[in-house]
Amino acid sequence: MKTKVQLYTSEKAKQYRLDADMSLRYLGDCLNVSHTFIHDVEDPEKDQAYNLNHINELAKIFKCTLWDFIPEKPL
């Protein structure tokens, strides 16, 4: 089970992906991971989570800051 921070990060990344009308496969290709990894990260029941390198790449892909994927206050 993901932690609260991991859930926050995966939900924010999923929202950016959906807002960009981007498929799991396309985002996986951009991050150099499989689309099943992205699917598992977005599934709250799975343990897979983005690491800081993934978050850095997500910020580049979506042209935002790292802080957009991290909660403002501790959870």
N, C-alpha and C. Protein backbone atom coordinates (compact mmCIF):
# COMPACT_ATOMS: atom_id res chain seq x y z
N MET A 1 0.84 -1.18 0.00
CA MET A 1 0.00 0.00 0.00
C MET A 1 0.89 1.24 0.00
N LYS A 2 0.49 2.21 -0.78
CA LYS A 2 1.25 3.46 -0.88
C LYS A 2 1.07 4.32 0.38
N THR A 3 2.07 5.14 0.64
CA THR A 3 1.95 6.12 1.72
C THR A 3 1.09 7.28 1.22
N LYS A 4 0.72 8.18 2.12
CA LYS A 4 -0.09 9.34 1.75
C LYS A 4 0.65 10.23 0.74
N VAL A 5 1.94 10.38 0.93
CA VAL A 5 2.73 11.21 0.00
C VAL A 5 2.78 10.55 -1.37
N GLN A 6 2.99 9.25 -1.41
CA GLN A 6 3.02 8.55 -2.68
C GLN A 6 1.68 8.63 -3.39
N LEU A 7 0.60 8.51 -2.64
CA LEU A 7 -0.74 8.64 -3.23
C LEU A 7 -0.95 10.04 -3.80
N TYR A 8 -0.53 11.05 -3.07
CA TYR A 8 -0.66 12.43 -3.53
C TYR A 8 0.09 12.61 -4.85
N THR A 9 1.34 12.16 -4.87
CA THR A 9 2.18 12.31 -6.05
C THR A 9 1.59 11.57 -7.25
N SER A 10 1.15 10.35 -7.05
CA SER A 10 0.61 9.58 -8.17
C SER A 10 -0.69 10.18 -8.69
N GLU A 11 -1.53 10.71 -7.80
CA GLU A 11 -2.77 11.35 -8.23
C GLU A 11 -2.50 12.63 -9.01
N LYS A 12 -1.55 13.42 -8.55
CA LYS A 12 -1.19 14.65 -9.27
C LYS A 12 -0.64 14.33 -10.65
N ALA A 13 0.24 13.34 -10.74
CA ALA A 13 0.81 12.95 -12.02
C ALA A 13 -0.28 12.40 -12.95
N LYS A 14 -1.19 11.62 -12.40
CA LYS A 14 -2.29 11.09 -13.20
C LYS A 14 -3.15 12.22 -13.75
N GLN A 15 -3.43 13.22 -12.92
CA GLN A 15 -4.24 14.35 -13.37
C GLN A 15 -3.53 15.12 -14.49
N TYR A 16 -2.24 15.33 -14.35
CA TYR A 16 -1.48 15.98 -15.42
C TYR A 16 -1.55 15.14 -16.69
N ARG A 17 -1.40 13.82 -16.56
CA ARG A 17 -1.45 12.93 -17.72
C ARG A 17 -2.80 13.02 -18.41
N LEU A 18 -3.87 12.95 -17.62
CA LEU A 18 -5.22 13.01 -18.20
C LEU A 18 -5.50 14.37 -18.82
N ASP A 19 -5.08 15.44 -18.15
CA ASP A 19 -5.27 16.79 -18.70
C ASP A 19 -4.56 16.96 -20.04
N ALA A 20 -3.44 16.27 -20.20
CA ALA A 20 -2.67 16.33 -21.45
C ALA A 20 -3.17 15.31 -22.47
N ASP A 21 -4.22 14.56 -22.10
CA ASP A 21 -4.78 13.52 -22.97
C ASP A 21 -3.68 12.54 -23.42
N MET A 22 -2.88 12.13 -22.44
CA MET A 22 -1.73 11.28 -22.67
C MET A 22 -2.04 9.85 -22.21
N SER A 23 -1.69 8.88 -23.02
CA SER A 23 -1.92 7.48 -22.66
C SER A 23 -0.88 6.99 -21.66
N LEU A 24 -1.21 5.89 -21.00
CA LEU A 24 -0.24 5.24 -20.10
C LEU A 24 1.02 4.86 -20.88
N ARG A 25 0.81 4.32 -22.06
CA ARG A 25 1.95 3.87 -22.88
C ARG A 25 2.85 5.05 -23.27
N TYR A 26 2.25 6.17 -23.67
CA TYR A 26 3.05 7.31 -24.08
C TYR A 26 3.85 7.87 -22.90
N LEU A 27 3.20 8.01 -21.76
CA LEU A 27 3.93 8.50 -20.58
C LEU A 27 5.04 7.52 -20.19
N GLY A 28 4.75 6.23 -20.25
CA GLY A 28 5.78 5.22 -19.97
C GLY A 28 6.97 5.38 -20.89
N ASP A 29 6.70 5.59 -22.19
CA ASP A 29 7.78 5.80 -23.15
C ASP A 29 8.59 7.05 -22.81
N CYS A 30 7.90 8.11 -22.42
CA CYS A 30 8.59 9.36 -22.05
C CYS A 30 9.49 9.17 -20.83
N LEU A 31 9.03 8.34 -19.88
CA LEU A 31 9.80 8.10 -18.65
C LEU A 31 10.76 6.93 -18.78
N ASN A 32 10.72 6.25 -19.93
CA ASN A 32 11.55 5.06 -20.15
C ASN A 32 11.21 3.94 -19.16
N VAL A 33 9.91 3.77 -18.91
CA VAL A 33 9.40 2.67 -18.09
C VAL A 33 8.24 2.04 -18.85
N SER A 34 7.76 0.92 -18.38
CA SER A 34 6.65 0.26 -19.06
C SER A 34 5.32 0.94 -18.73
N HIS A 35 4.35 0.74 -19.62
CA HIS A 35 3.02 1.29 -19.34
C HIS A 35 2.39 0.59 -18.14
N THR A 36 2.79 -0.66 -17.87
CA THR A 36 2.26 -1.35 -16.70
C THR A 36 2.80 -0.73 -15.41
N PHE A 37 4.02 -0.20 -15.46
CA PHE A 37 4.54 0.51 -14.29
C PHE A 37 3.69 1.74 -14.01
N ILE A 38 3.36 2.51 -15.05
CA ILE A 38 2.53 3.69 -14.87
C ILE A 38 1.16 3.28 -14.32
N HIS A 39 0.60 2.23 -14.88
CA HIS A 39 -0.70 1.72 -14.40
C HIS A 39 -0.62 1.36 -12.92
N ASP A 40 0.44 0.67 -12.53
CA ASP A 40 0.59 0.26 -11.13
C ASP A 40 0.82 1.46 -10.20
N VAL A 41 1.53 2.46 -10.69
CA VAL A 41 1.74 3.67 -9.88
C VAL A 41 0.40 4.37 -9.65
N GLU A 42 -0.45 4.38 -10.66
CA GLU A 42 -1.74 5.07 -10.56
C GLU A 42 -2.77 4.26 -9.78
N ASP A 43 -2.51 2.98 -9.55
CA ASP A 43 -3.43 2.12 -8.79
C ASP A 43 -3.11 2.25 -7.30
N PRO A 44 -4.05 2.78 -6.50
CA PRO A 44 -3.77 2.99 -5.08
C PRO A 44 -3.49 1.70 -4.30
N GLU A 45 -3.91 0.58 -4.83
CA GLU A 45 -3.71 -0.70 -4.14
C GLU A 45 -2.34 -1.32 -4.40
N LYS A 46 -1.63 -0.84 -5.41
CA LYS A 46 -0.31 -1.39 -5.75
C LYS A 46 0.78 -0.62 -5.02
N ASP A 47 1.92 -1.27 -4.83
CA ASP A 47 3.03 -0.66 -4.10
C ASP A 47 3.96 0.21 -4.96
N GLN A 48 3.86 0.10 -6.28
CA GLN A 48 4.74 0.87 -7.15
C GLN A 48 4.54 2.37 -6.91
N ALA A 49 5.64 3.12 -6.95
CA ALA A 49 5.57 4.56 -6.74
C ALA A 49 6.68 5.25 -7.54
N TYR A 50 6.46 6.51 -7.85
CA TYR A 50 7.49 7.31 -8.51
C TYR A 50 8.59 7.63 -7.52
N ASN A 51 9.83 7.65 -8.02
CA ASN A 51 10.94 8.11 -7.19
C ASN A 51 11.28 9.55 -7.60
N LEU A 52 12.25 10.14 -6.98
CA LEU A 52 12.59 11.53 -7.28
C LEU A 52 13.03 11.75 -8.72
N ASN A 53 13.71 10.76 -9.28
CA ASN A 53 14.12 10.88 -10.69
C ASN A 53 12.89 10.90 -11.59
N HIS A 54 11.91 10.04 -11.30
CA HIS A 54 10.66 10.05 -12.07
C HIS A 54 9.97 11.40 -11.95
N ILE A 55 9.90 11.92 -10.74
CA ILE A 55 9.22 13.20 -10.50
C ILE A 55 9.93 14.32 -11.26
N ASN A 56 11.24 14.29 -11.28
CA ASN A 56 12.01 15.28 -12.03
C ASN A 56 11.65 15.21 -13.51
N GLU A 57 11.58 14.00 -14.06
CA GLU A 57 11.23 13.82 -15.47
C GLU A 57 9.79 14.24 -15.74
N LEU A 58 8.88 13.93 -14.80
CA LEU A 58 7.48 14.35 -14.96
C LEU A 58 7.39 15.87 -15.05
N ALA A 59 8.16 16.56 -14.22
CA ALA A 59 8.15 18.03 -14.24
C ALA A 59 8.63 18.54 -15.60
N LYS A 60 9.61 17.89 -16.19
CA LYS A 60 10.09 18.28 -17.52
C LYS A 60 9.01 18.02 -18.57
N ILE A 61 8.41 16.84 -18.51
CA ILE A 61 7.40 16.45 -19.50
C ILE A 61 6.20 17.40 -19.47
N PHE A 62 5.73 17.71 -18.26
CA PHE A 62 4.53 18.53 -18.12
C PHE A 62 4.84 20.03 -17.96
N LYS A 63 6.13 20.37 -18.07
CA LYS A 63 6.57 21.76 -18.01
C LYS A 63 6.04 22.46 -16.74
N CYS A 64 6.35 21.85 -15.62
CA CYS A 64 5.96 22.40 -14.32
C CYS A 64 7.13 22.22 -13.36
N THR A 65 6.92 22.43 -12.09
CA THR A 65 8.00 22.27 -11.12
C THR A 65 7.86 20.94 -10.39
N LEU A 66 8.93 20.53 -9.76
CA LEU A 66 8.89 19.34 -8.91
C LEU A 66 7.85 19.51 -7.81
N TRP A 67 7.71 20.73 -7.33
CA TRP A 67 6.80 21.01 -6.22
C TRP A 67 5.33 20.78 -6.58
N ASP A 68 5.02 20.75 -7.87
CA ASP A 68 3.66 20.47 -8.27
C ASP A 68 3.24 19.03 -7.94
N PHE A 69 4.21 18.18 -7.68
CA PHE A 69 3.93 16.77 -7.38
C PHE A 69 4.14 16.41 -5.91
N ILE A 70 4.49 17.44 -5.12
CA ILE A 70 4.78 17.21 -3.70
C ILE A 70 3.83 18.07 -2.87
N PRO A 71 3.21 17.50 -1.84
CA PRO A 71 2.28 18.31 -1.04
C PRO A 71 2.98 19.49 -0.36
N GLU A 72 2.25 20.59 -0.25
CA GLU A 72 2.80 21.80 0.35
C GLU A 72 3.14 21.59 1.82
N LYS A 73 2.29 20.85 2.53
CA LYS A 73 2.49 20.60 3.94
C LYS A 73 2.60 19.09 4.16
N PRO A 74 3.28 18.66 5.22
CA PRO A 74 3.39 17.25 5.50
C PRO A 74 2.02 16.60 5.67
N LEU A 75 1.91 15.39 5.20
CA LEU A 75 0.65 14.65 5.32
C LEU A 75 0.70 13.67 6.48
